[in-house]
Amino acid sequence: MSVSTHVLDAVLGRPAAGIFVRLYADQELIAEGVTDHDGRCRLTEDATALGTHRLVFATGRWFAEQDREAFWPEVVLTFSIAEPAEHHHVPLLLSPFAYSTYRGS
């Protein structure tokens, strides 16, 4: 399975570059990265186990670096892997007081 994400700043209408992201399988940290200039981060291309995974976005730090107030110190997206061979793209649409996500392609 490969896992990637794309973070968009919904208020400014542009990519959210520089957000630190961690990927966990259950409690084990399996990858980490930072969103690039386009707000994208490919966390792994390696196979991983079936089951529950989490993406943890350090959103509080990112907003603070921009001197913007935010309600979310971090955003945690928990998802289930049923097909390890498939690519899993998990976008995050972010604003200081709300967020949304979906399974991308």
PDB file of N, CA and C in Angstrom:
ATOM      1  N   MET A   1       0.843  -1.174   0.000  1.00  0.00           N
ATOM      2  CA  MET A   1       0.000   0.000   0.000  1.00  0.00           C
ATOM      3  C   MET A   1       0.882   1.229   0.000  1.00  0.00           C
ATOM      4  N   SER A   2       0.471   2.214  -0.703  1.00  0.00           N
ATOM      5  CA  SER A   2       1.121   3.507  -0.585  1.00  0.00           C
ATOM      6  C   SER A   2       0.129   4.479   0.038  1.00  0.00           C
ATOM      7  N   VAL A   3       0.660   5.448   0.734  1.00  0.00           N
ATOM      8  CA  VAL A   3      -0.174   6.443   1.392  1.00  0.00           C
ATOM      9  C   VAL A   3       0.353   7.820   1.044  1.00  0.00           C
ATOM     10  N   SER A   4      -0.564   8.693   0.620  1.00  0.00           N
ATOM     11  CA  SER A   4      -0.205  10.079   0.351  1.00  0.00           C
ATOM     12  C   SER A   4      -1.310  10.987   0.867  1.00  0.00           C
ATOM     13  N   THR A   5      -0.981  12.274   0.966  1.00  0.00           N
ATOM     14  CA  THR A   5      -1.953  13.264   1.395  1.00  0.00           C
ATOM     15  C   THR A   5      -1.735  14.544   0.618  1.00  0.00           C
ATOM     16  N   HIS A   6      -2.709  15.406   0.643  1.00  0.00           N
ATOM     17  CA  HIS A   6      -2.649  16.719   0.013  1.00  0.00           C
ATOM     18  C   HIS A   6      -3.432  17.648   0.920  1.00  0.00           C
ATOM     19  N   VAL A   7      -2.776  18.682   1.441  1.00  0.00           N
ATOM     20  CA  VAL A   7      -3.436  19.600   2.366  1.00  0.00           C
ATOM     21  C   VAL A   7      -3.653  20.942   1.671  1.00  0.00           C
ATOM     22  N   LEU A   8      -4.898  21.395   1.715  1.00  0.00           N
ATOM     23  CA  LEU A   8      -5.249  22.687   1.136  1.00  0.00           C
ATOM     24  C   LEU A   8      -5.757  23.625   2.217  1.00  0.00           C
ATOM     25  N   ASP A   9      -5.276  24.854   2.208  1.00  0.00           N
ATOM     26  CA  ASP A   9      -5.760  25.887   3.105  1.00  0.00           C
ATOM     27  C   ASP A   9      -7.050  26.425   2.498  1.00  0.00           C
ATOM     28  N   ALA A  10      -8.178  26.057   3.075  1.00  0.00           N
ATOM     29  CA  ALA A  10      -9.480  26.410   2.519  1.00  0.00           C
ATOM     30  C   ALA A  10      -9.789  27.896   2.653  1.00  0.00           C
ATOM     31  N   VAL A  11      -9.170  28.591   3.583  1.00  0.00           N
ATOM     32  CA  VAL A  11      -9.410  30.022   3.757  1.00  0.00           C
ATOM     33  C   VAL A  11      -8.676  30.822   2.686  1.00  0.00           C
ATOM     34  N   LEU A  12      -7.411  30.487   2.477  1.00  0.00           N
ATOM     35  CA  LEU A  12      -6.603  31.228   1.508  1.00  0.00           C
ATOM     36  C   LEU A  12      -6.712  30.673   0.095  1.00  0.00           C
ATOM     37  N   GLY A  13      -7.275  29.471  -0.037  1.00  0.00           N
ATOM     38  CA  GLY A  13      -7.440  28.885  -1.355  1.00  0.00           C
ATOM     39  C   GLY A  13      -6.147  28.480  -2.017  1.00  0.00           C
ATOM     40  N   ARG A  14      -5.214  27.959  -1.206  1.00  0.00           N
ATOM     41  CA  ARG A  14      -3.930  27.530  -1.763  1.00  0.00           C
ATOM     42  C   ARG A  14      -3.369  26.351  -0.979  1.00  0.00           C
ATOM     43  N   PRO A  15      -2.342  25.708  -1.529  1.00  0.00           N
ATOM     44  CA  PRO A  15      -1.743  24.567  -0.832  1.00  0.00           C
ATOM     45  C   PRO A  15      -1.182  24.970   0.528  1.00  0.00           C
ATOM     46  N   ALA A  16      -1.236  24.037   1.456  1.00  0.00           N
ATOM     47  CA  ALA A  16      -0.693  24.241   2.801  1.00  0.00           C
ATOM     48  C   ALA A  16       0.686  23.591   2.862  1.00  0.00           C
ATOM     49  N   ALA A  17       1.693  24.347   2.495  1.00  0.00           N
ATOM     50  CA  ALA A  17       3.070  23.843   2.483  1.00  0.00           C
ATOM     51  C   ALA A  17       3.679  23.915   3.873  1.00  0.00           C
ATOM     52  N   GLY A  18       4.467  22.907   4.231  1.00  0.00           N
ATOM     53  CA  GLY A  18       5.215  22.925   5.475  1.00  0.00           C
ATOM     54  C   GLY A  18       4.522  22.312   6.674  1.00  0.00           C
ATOM     55  N   ILE A  19       3.473  21.530   6.470  1.00  0.00           N
ATOM     56  CA  ILE A  19       2.809  20.853   7.594  1.00  0.00           C
ATOM     57  C   ILE A  19       3.491  19.510   7.837  1.00  0.00           C
ATOM     58  N   PHE A  20       3.904  19.275   9.069  1.00  0.00           N
ATOM     59  CA  PHE A  20       4.518  18.013   9.475  1.00  0.00           C
ATOM     60  C   PHE A  20       3.419  16.959   9.622  1.00  0.00           C
ATOM     61  N   VAL A  21       3.632  15.779   9.004  1.00  0.00           N
ATOM     62  CA  VAL A  21       2.634  14.706   8.995  1.00  0.00           C
ATOM     63  C   VAL A  21       3.290  13.402   9.448  1.00  0.00           C
ATOM     64  N   ARG A  22       2.599  12.658  10.302  1.00  0.00           N
ATOM     65  CA  ARG A  22       3.069  11.337  10.734  1.00  0.00           C
ATOM     66  C   ARG A  22       2.023  10.292  10.359  1.00  0.00           C
ATOM     67  N   LEU A  23       2.490   9.099   9.963  1.00  0.00           N
ATOM     68  CA  LEU A  23       1.612   7.975   9.633  1.00  0.00           C
ATOM     69  C   LEU A  23       1.871   6.855  10.620  1.00  0.00           C
ATOM     70  N   TYR A  24       0.788   6.381  11.245  1.00  0.00           N
ATOM     71  CA  TYR A  24       0.872   5.290  12.211  1.00  0.00           C
ATOM     72  C   TYR A  24       0.061   4.100  11.722  1.00  0.00           C
ATOM     73  N   ALA A  25       0.546   2.902  12.019  1.00  0.00           N
ATOM     74  CA  ALA A  25      -0.223   1.665  11.893  1.00  0.00           C
ATOM     75  C   ALA A  25      -0.461   1.213  13.329  1.00  0.00           C
ATOM     76  N   ASP A  26      -1.701   1.269  13.760  1.00  0.00           N
ATOM     77  CA  ASP A  26      -2.033   1.105  15.178  1.00  0.00           C
ATOM     78  C   ASP A  26      -1.220   2.122  15.967  1.00  0.00           C
ATOM     79  N   GLN A  27      -0.338   1.701  16.864  1.00  0.00           N
ATOM     80  CA  GLN A  27       0.461   2.638  17.663  1.00  0.00           C
ATOM     81  C   GLN A  27       1.878   2.837  17.122  1.00  0.00           C
ATOM     82  N   GLU A  28       2.226   2.143  16.050  1.00  0.00           N
ATOM     83  CA  GLU A  28       3.589   2.194  15.516  1.00  0.00           C
ATOM     84  C   GLU A  28       3.737   3.281  14.450  1.00  0.00           C
ATOM     85  N   LEU A  29       4.701   4.182  14.666  1.00  0.00           N
ATOM     86  CA  LEU A  29       5.023   5.192  13.669  1.00  0.00           C
ATOM     87  C   LEU A  29       5.707   4.502  12.499  1.00  0.00           C
ATOM     88  N   ILE A  30       5.138   4.626  11.296  1.00  0.00           N
ATOM     89  CA  ILE A  30       5.752   3.956  10.144  1.00  0.00           C
ATOM     90  C   ILE A  30       6.305   4.925   9.112  1.00  0.00           C
ATOM     91  N   ALA A  31       5.919   6.197   9.167  1.00  0.00           N
ATOM     92  CA  ALA A  31       6.472   7.180   8.233  1.00  0.00           C
ATOM     93  C   ALA A  31       6.153   8.579   8.727  1.00  0.00           C
ATOM     94  N   GLU A  32       6.944   9.530   8.269  1.00  0.00           N
ATOM     95  CA  GLU A  32       6.673  10.932   8.556  1.00  0.00           C
ATOM     96  C   GLU A  32       7.238  11.777   7.429  1.00  0.00           C
ATOM     97  N   GLY A  33       6.680  12.952   7.279  1.00  0.00           N
ATOM     98  CA  GLY A  33       7.126  13.843   6.222  1.00  0.00           C
ATOM     99  C   GLY A  33       6.548  15.232   6.424  1.00  0.00           C
ATOM    100  N   VAL A  34       6.807  16.094   5.438  1.00  0.00           N
ATOM    101  CA  VAL A  34       6.340  17.478   5.465  1.00  0.00           C
ATOM    102  C   VAL A  34       5.712  17.777   4.107  1.00  0.00           C
ATOM    103  N   THR A  35       4.577  18.468   4.118  1.00  0.00           N
ATOM    104  CA  THR A  35       3.947  18.804   2.850  1.00  0.00           C
ATOM    105  C   THR A  35       4.847  19.738   2.046  1.00  0.00           C
ATOM    106  N   ASP A  36       4.915  19.490   0.737  1.00  0.00           N
ATOM    107  CA  ASP A  36       5.775  20.273  -0.144  1.00  0.00           C
ATOM    108  C   ASP A  36       5.097  21.584  -0.565  1.00  0.00           C
ATOM    109  N   HIS A  37       5.702  22.297  -1.499  1.00  0.00           N
ATOM    110  CA  HIS A  37       5.186  23.600  -1.944  1.00  0.00           C
ATOM    111  C   HIS A  37       3.767  23.504  -2.515  1.00  0.00           C
ATOM    112  N   ASP A  38       3.368  22.303  -2.947  1.00  0.00           N
ATOM    113  CA  ASP A  38       2.030  22.087  -3.484  1.00  0.00           C
ATOM    114  C   ASP A  38       1.089  21.488  -2.443  1.00  0.00           C
ATOM    115  N   GLY A  39       1.540  21.386  -1.177  1.00  0.00           N
ATOM    116  CA  GLY A  39       0.725  20.836  -0.100  1.00  0.00           C
ATOM    117  C   GLY A  39       0.655  19.318  -0.098  1.00  0.00           C
ATOM    118  N   ARG A  40       1.524  18.676  -0.884  1.00  0.00           N
ATOM    119  CA  ARG A  40       1.476  17.213  -1.023  1.00  0.00           C
ATOM    120  C   ARG A  40       2.582  16.536  -0.224  1.00  0.00           C
ATOM    121  N   CYS A  41       2.283  15.309   0.205  1.00  0.00           N
ATOM    122  CA  CYS A  41       3.270  14.505   0.922  1.00  0.00           C
ATOM    123  C   CYS A  41       2.983  13.036   0.653  1.00  0.00           C
ATOM    124  N   ARG A  42       3.955  12.344   0.070  1.00  0.00           N
ATOM    125  CA  ARG A  42       3.856  10.896  -0.112  1.00  0.00           C
ATOM    126  C   ARG A  42       4.605  10.287   1.064  1.00  0.00           C
ATOM    127  N   LEU A  43       3.863   9.557   1.891  1.00  0.00           N
ATOM    128  CA  LEU A  43       4.439   9.047   3.129  1.00  0.00           C
ATOM    129  C   LEU A  43       5.113   7.699   2.961  1.00  0.00           C
ATOM    130  N   THR A  44       4.561   6.837   2.155  1.00  0.00           N
ATOM    131  CA  THR A  44       5.210   5.543   1.950  1.00  0.00           C
ATOM    132  C   THR A  44       4.748   4.935   0.637  1.00  0.00           C
ATOM    133  N   GLU A  45       5.616   4.166   0.060  1.00  0.00           N
ATOM    134  CA  GLU A  45       5.257   3.357  -1.099  1.00  0.00           C
ATOM    135  C   GLU A  45       5.390   1.886  -0.758  1.00  0.00           C
ATOM    136  N   ASP A  46       5.744   1.610   0.492  1.00  0.00           N
ATOM    137  CA  ASP A  46       5.931   0.240   0.958  1.00  0.00           C
ATOM    138  C   ASP A  46       4.593  -0.375   1.367  1.00  0.00           C
ATOM    139  N   ALA A  47       4.535  -1.681   1.288  1.00  0.00           N
ATOM    140  CA  ALA A  47       3.350  -2.398   1.749  1.00  0.00           C
ATOM    141  C   ALA A  47       3.257  -2.290   3.265  1.00  0.00           C
ATOM    142  N   THR A  48       2.051  -2.289   3.762  1.00  0.00           N
ATOM    143  CA  THR A  48       1.821  -2.298   5.201  1.00  0.00           C
ATOM    144  C   THR A  48       0.659  -3.239   5.494  1.00  0.00           C
ATOM    145  N   ALA A  49       0.422  -3.477   6.727  1.00  0.00           N
ATOM    146  CA  ALA A  49      -0.581  -4.464   7.129  1.00  0.00           C
ATOM    147  C   ALA A  49      -2.007  -3.956   6.950  1.00  0.00           C
ATOM    148  N   LEU A  50      -2.917  -4.898   6.927  1.00  0.00           N
ATOM    149  CA  LEU A  50      -4.335  -4.574   7.014  1.00  0.00           C
ATOM    150  C   LEU A  50      -4.588  -3.900   8.352  1.00  0.00           C
ATOM    151  N   GLY A  51      -5.675  -3.143   8.425  1.00  0.00           N
ATOM    152  CA  GLY A  51      -6.077  -2.624   9.727  1.00  0.00           C
ATOM    153  C   GLY A  51      -6.146  -1.117   9.790  1.00  0.00           C
ATOM    154  N   THR A  52      -6.147  -0.632  11.017  1.00  0.00           N
ATOM    155  CA  THR A  52      -6.332   0.780  11.304  1.00  0.00           C
ATOM    156  C   THR A  52      -5.028   1.549  11.182  1.00  0.00           C
ATOM    157  N   HIS A  53      -5.104   2.695  10.513  1.00  0.00           N
ATOM    158  CA  HIS A  53      -3.969   3.594  10.349  1.00  0.00           C
ATOM    159  C   HIS A  53      -4.409   5.007  10.708  1.00  0.00           C
ATOM    160  N   ARG A  54      -3.441   5.842  11.059  1.00  0.00           N
ATOM    161  CA  ARG A  54      -3.746   7.232  11.407  1.00  0.00           C
ATOM    162  C   ARG A  54      -2.756   8.170  10.733  1.00  0.00           C
ATOM    163  N   LEU A  55      -3.278   9.257  10.209  1.00  0.00           N
ATOM    164  CA  LEU A  55      -2.456  10.380   9.785  1.00  0.00           C
ATOM    165  C   LEU A  55      -2.613  11.467  10.833  1.00  0.00           C
ATOM    166  N   VAL A  56      -1.492  11.985  11.326  1.00  0.00           N
ATOM    167  CA  VAL A  56      -1.522  13.039  12.338  1.00  0.00           C
ATOM    168  C   VAL A  56      -0.836  14.268  11.744  1.00  0.00           C
ATOM    169  N   PHE A  57      -1.591  15.344  11.606  1.00  0.00           N
ATOM    170  CA  PHE A  57      -1.111  16.589  11.014  1.00  0.00           C
ATOM    171  C   PHE A  57      -0.830  17.600  12.124  1.00  0.00           C
ATOM    172  N   ALA A  58       0.349  18.184  12.152  1.00  0.00           N
ATOM    173  CA  ALA A  58       0.718  19.179  13.168  1.00  0.00           C
ATOM    174  C   ALA A  58       0.200  20.555  12.742  1.00  0.00           C
ATOM    175  N   THR A  59      -1.107  20.719  12.789  1.00  0.00           N
ATOM    176  CA  THR A  59      -1.737  21.932  12.281  1.00  0.00           C
ATOM    177  C   THR A  59      -1.542  23.145  13.193  1.00  0.00           C
ATOM    178  N   GLY A  60      -1.506  22.928  14.492  1.00  0.00           N
ATOM    179  CA  GLY A  60      -1.311  24.045  15.425  1.00  0.00           C
ATOM    180  C   GLY A  60       0.013  24.739  15.202  1.00  0.00           C
ATOM    181  N   ARG A  61       1.056  23.961  15.052  1.00  0.00           N
ATOM    182  CA  ARG A  61       2.393  24.518  14.806  1.00  0.00           C
ATOM    183  C   ARG A  61       2.397  25.307  13.495  1.00  0.00           C
ATOM    184  N   TRP A  62       1.757  24.735  12.460  1.00  0.00           N
ATOM    185  CA  TRP A  62       1.728  25.374  11.143  1.00  0.00           C
ATOM    186  C   TRP A  62       1.000  26.713  11.196  1.00  0.00           C
ATOM    187  N   PHE A  63      -0.172  26.761  11.838  1.00  0.00           N
ATOM    188  CA  PHE A  63      -0.903  28.020  11.968  1.00  0.00           C
ATOM    189  C   PHE A  63      -0.096  29.027  12.800  1.00  0.00           C
ATOM    190  N   ALA A  64       0.537  28.576  13.884  1.00  0.00           N
ATOM    191  CA  ALA A  64       1.324  29.471  14.735  1.00  0.00           C
ATOM    192  C   ALA A  64       2.477  30.101  13.962  1.00  0.00           C
ATOM    193  N   GLU A  65       3.121  29.323  13.098  1.00  0.00           N
ATOM    194  CA  GLU A  65       4.230  29.851  12.289  1.00  0.00           C
ATOM    195  C   GLU A  65       3.768  30.969  11.365  1.00  0.00           C
ATOM    196  N   GLN A  66       2.484  30.987  11.049  1.00  0.00           N
ATOM    197  CA  GLN A  66       1.916  32.029  10.194  1.00  0.00           C
ATOM    198  C   GLN A  66       1.243  33.137  11.001  1.00  0.00           C
ATOM    199  N   ASP A  67       1.370  33.054  12.323  1.00  0.00           N
ATOM    200  CA  ASP A  67       0.738  34.007  13.228  1.00  0.00           C
ATOM    201  C   ASP A  67      -0.771  34.054  13.021  1.00  0.00           C
ATOM    202  N   ARG A  68      -1.363  32.849  12.864  1.00  0.00           N
ATOM    203  CA  ARG A  68      -2.813  32.709  12.699  1.00  0.00           C
ATOM    204  C   ARG A  68      -3.367  31.905  13.864  1.00  0.00           C
ATOM    205  N   GLU A  69      -4.464  32.377  14.439  1.00  0.00           N
ATOM    206  CA  GLU A  69      -5.132  31.651  15.513  1.00  0.00           C
ATOM    207  C   GLU A  69      -5.832  30.427  14.924  1.00  0.00           C
ATOM    208  N   ALA A  70      -5.817  29.321  15.661  1.00  0.00           N
ATOM    209  CA  ALA A  70      -6.499  28.105  15.198  1.00  0.00           C
ATOM    210  C   ALA A  70      -6.996  27.299  16.390  1.00  0.00           C
ATOM    211  N   PHE A  71      -8.058  26.574  16.178  1.00  0.00           N
ATOM    212  CA  PHE A  71      -8.676  25.747  17.212  1.00  0.00           C
ATOM    213  C   PHE A  71      -8.027  24.378  17.311  1.00  0.00           C
ATOM    214  N   TRP A  72      -7.478  23.865  16.216  1.00  0.00           N
ATOM    215  CA  TRP A  72      -6.969  22.499  16.135  1.00  0.00           C
ATOM    216  C   TRP A  72      -5.458  22.447  16.324  1.00  0.00           C
ATOM    217  N   PRO A  73      -4.943  21.960  17.455  1.00  0.00           N
ATOM    218  CA  PRO A  73      -3.500  21.802  17.605  1.00  0.00           C
ATOM    219  C   PRO A  73      -2.955  20.695  16.706  1.00  0.00           C
ATOM    220  N   GLU A  74      -3.814  19.726  16.419  1.00  0.00           N
ATOM    221  CA  GLU A  74      -3.473  18.694  15.449  1.00  0.00           C
ATOM    222  C   GLU A  74      -4.767  18.119  14.894  1.00  0.00           C
ATOM    223  N   VAL A  75      -4.662  17.581  13.697  1.00  0.00           N
ATOM    224  CA  VAL A  75      -5.786  16.881  13.091  1.00  0.00           C
ATOM    225  C   VAL A  75      -5.372  15.426  12.957  1.00  0.00           C
ATOM    226  N   VAL A  76      -6.210  14.527  13.450  1.00  0.00           N
ATOM    227  CA  VAL A  76      -5.943  13.098  13.386  1.00  0.00           C
ATOM    228  C   VAL A  76      -7.019  12.451  12.516  1.00  0.00           C
ATOM    229  N   LEU A  77      -6.597  11.824  11.433  1.00  0.00           N
ATOM    230  CA  LEU A  77      -7.509  11.124  10.537  1.00  0.00           C
ATOM    231  C   LEU A  77      -7.232   9.632  10.648  1.00  0.00           C
ATOM    232  N   THR A  78      -8.222   8.892  11.098  1.00  0.00           N
ATOM    233  CA  THR A  78      -8.092   7.454  11.284  1.00  0.00           C
ATOM    234  C   THR A  78      -8.855   6.757  10.167  1.00  0.00           C
ATOM    235  N   PHE A  79      -8.196   5.801   9.535  1.00  0.00           N
ATOM    236  CA  PHE A  79      -8.817   5.099   8.412  1.00  0.00           C
ATOM    237  C   PHE A  79      -8.422   3.637   8.444  1.00  0.00           C
ATOM    238  N   SER A  80      -9.184   2.825   7.743  1.00  0.00           N
ATOM    239  CA  SER A  80      -8.986   1.388   7.750  1.00  0.00           C
ATOM    240  C   SER A  80      -8.484   0.912   6.393  1.00  0.00           C
ATOM    241  N   ILE A  81      -7.454   0.082   6.415  1.00  0.00           N
ATOM    242  CA  ILE A  81      -6.899  -0.510   5.197  1.00  0.00           C
ATOM    243  C   ILE A  81      -7.462  -1.921   5.051  1.00  0.00           C
ATOM    244  N   ALA A  82      -8.220  -2.120   3.988  1.00  0.00           N
ATOM    245  CA  ALA A  82      -8.764  -3.445   3.694  1.00  0.00           C
ATOM    246  C   ALA A  82      -8.073  -4.067   2.478  1.00  0.00           C
ATOM    247  N   GLU A  83      -7.474  -3.233   1.643  1.00  0.00           N
ATOM    248  CA  GLU A  83      -6.782  -3.684   0.431  1.00  0.00           C
ATOM    249  C   GLU A  83      -5.361  -3.137   0.439  1.00  0.00           C
ATOM    250  N   PRO A  84      -4.412  -3.859   1.022  1.00  0.00           N
ATOM    251  CA  PRO A  84      -3.054  -3.353   1.164  1.00  0.00           C
ATOM    252  C   PRO A  84      -2.363  -3.003  -0.155  1.00  0.00           C
ATOM    253  N   ALA A  85      -2.765  -3.601  -1.253  1.00  0.00           N
ATOM    254  CA  ALA A  85      -2.113  -3.339  -2.538  1.00  0.00           C
ATOM    255  C   ALA A  85      -2.565  -2.020  -3.159  1.00  0.00           C
ATOM    256  N   GLU A  86      -3.672  -1.457  -2.706  1.00  0.00           N
ATOM    257  CA  GLU A  86      -4.192  -0.222  -3.279  1.00  0.00           C
ATOM    258  C   GLU A  86      -3.452   0.998  -2.754  1.00  0.00           C
ATOM    259  N   HIS A  87      -3.501   2.076  -3.558  1.00  0.00           N
ATOM    260  CA  HIS A  87      -2.989   3.375  -3.113  1.00  0.00           C
ATOM    261  C   HIS A  87      -4.066   4.049  -2.268  1.00  0.00           C
ATOM    262  N   HIS A  88      -3.663   4.653  -1.164  1.00  0.00           N
ATOM    263  CA  HIS A  88      -4.591   5.362  -0.282  1.00  0.00           C
ATOM    264  C   HIS A  88      -4.163   6.822  -0.212  1.00  0.00           C
ATOM    265  N   HIS A  89      -4.992   7.682  -0.819  1.00  0.00           N
ATOM    266  CA  HIS A  89      -4.744   9.121  -0.815  1.00  0.00           C
ATOM    267  C   HIS A  89      -5.787   9.754   0.090  1.00  0.00           C
ATOM    268  N   VAL A  90      -5.323  10.489   1.106  1.00  0.00           N
ATOM    269  CA  VAL A  90      -6.212  11.046   2.123  1.00  0.00           C
ATOM    270  C   VAL A  90      -6.005  12.564   2.182  1.00  0.00           C
ATOM    271  N   PRO A  91      -6.771  13.331   1.400  1.00  0.00           N
ATOM    272  CA  PRO A  91      -6.644  14.787   1.409  1.00  0.00           C
ATOM    273  C   PRO A  91      -7.239  15.406   2.675  1.00  0.00           C
ATOM    274  N   LEU A  92      -6.738  16.606   2.992  1.00  0.00           N
ATOM    275  CA  LEU A  92      -7.246  17.376   4.129  1.00  0.00           C
ATOM    276  C   LEU A  92      -7.514  18.796   3.653  1.00  0.00           C
ATOM    277  N   LEU A  93      -8.760  19.239   3.794  1.00  0.00           N
ATOM    278  CA  LEU A  93      -9.135  20.628   3.527  1.00  0.00           C
ATOM    279  C   LEU A  93      -9.186  21.314   4.885  1.00  0.00           C
ATOM    280  N   LEU A  94      -8.345  22.319   5.082  1.00  0.00           N
ATOM    281  CA  LEU A  94      -8.081  22.858   6.407  1.00  0.00           C
ATOM    282  C   LEU A  94      -8.408  24.342   6.504  1.00  0.00           C
ATOM    283  N   SER A  95      -9.014  24.713   7.619  1.00  0.00           N
ATOM    284  CA  SER A  95      -9.168  26.116   7.992  1.00  0.00           C
ATOM    285  C   SER A  95      -8.926  26.200   9.495  1.00  0.00           C
ATOM    286  N   PRO A  96      -8.779  27.392  10.054  1.00  0.00           N
ATOM    287  CA  PRO A  96      -8.459  27.490  11.479  1.00  0.00           C
ATOM    288  C   PRO A  96      -9.496  26.879  12.419  1.00  0.00           C
ATOM    289  N   PHE A  97     -10.759  26.798  11.987  1.00  0.00           N
ATOM    290  CA  PHE A  97     -11.802  26.333  12.884  1.00  0.00           C
ATOM    291  C   PHE A  97     -12.639  25.189  12.322  1.00  0.00           C
ATOM    292  N   ALA A  98     -12.174  24.595  11.216  1.00  0.00           N
ATOM    293  CA  ALA A  98     -12.888  23.471  10.618  1.00  0.00           C
ATOM    294  C   ALA A  98     -11.936  22.698   9.716  1.00  0.00           C
ATOM    295  N   TYR A  99     -12.270  21.437   9.483  1.00  0.00           N
ATOM    296  CA  TYR A  99     -11.547  20.672   8.480  1.00  0.00           C
ATOM    297  C   TYR A  99     -12.474  19.619   7.888  1.00  0.00           C
ATOM    298  N   SER A 100     -12.084  19.126   6.719  1.00  0.00           N
ATOM    299  CA  SER A 100     -12.851  18.118   6.022  1.00  0.00           C
ATOM    300  C   SER A 100     -11.875  17.197   5.325  1.00  0.00           C
ATOM    301  N   THR A 101     -12.308  15.962   5.096  1.00  0.00           N
ATOM    302  CA  THR A 101     -11.455  14.995   4.433  1.00  0.00           C
ATOM    303  C   THR A 101     -12.302  14.034   3.623  1.00  0.00           C
ATOM    304  N   TYR A 102     -11.649  13.248   2.794  1.00  0.00           N
ATOM    305  CA  TYR A 102     -12.322  12.226   1.985  1.00  0.00           C
ATOM    306  C   TYR A 102     -11.260  11.275   1.485  1.00  0.00           C
ATOM    307  N   ARG A 103     -11.681  10.148   0.939  1.00  0.00           N
ATOM    308  CA  ARG A 103     -10.726   9.232   0.319  1.00  0.00           C
ATOM    309  C   ARG A 103     -10.529   9.671  -1.116  1.00  0.00           C
ATOM    310  N   GLY A 104      -9.327  10.076  -1.424  1.00  0.00           N
ATOM    311  CA  GLY A 104      -9.001  10.533  -2.766  1.00  0.00           C
ATOM    312  C   GLY A 104      -8.531   9.384  -3.631  1.00  0.00           C
ATOM    313  N   SER A 105      -8.025   9.751  -4.797  1.00  0.00           N
ATOM    314  CA  SER A 105      -7.547   8.730  -5.727  1.00  0.00           C
ATOM    315  C   SER A 105      -6.120   9.035  -6.139  1.00  0.00           C
TER     316      SER A 105
END
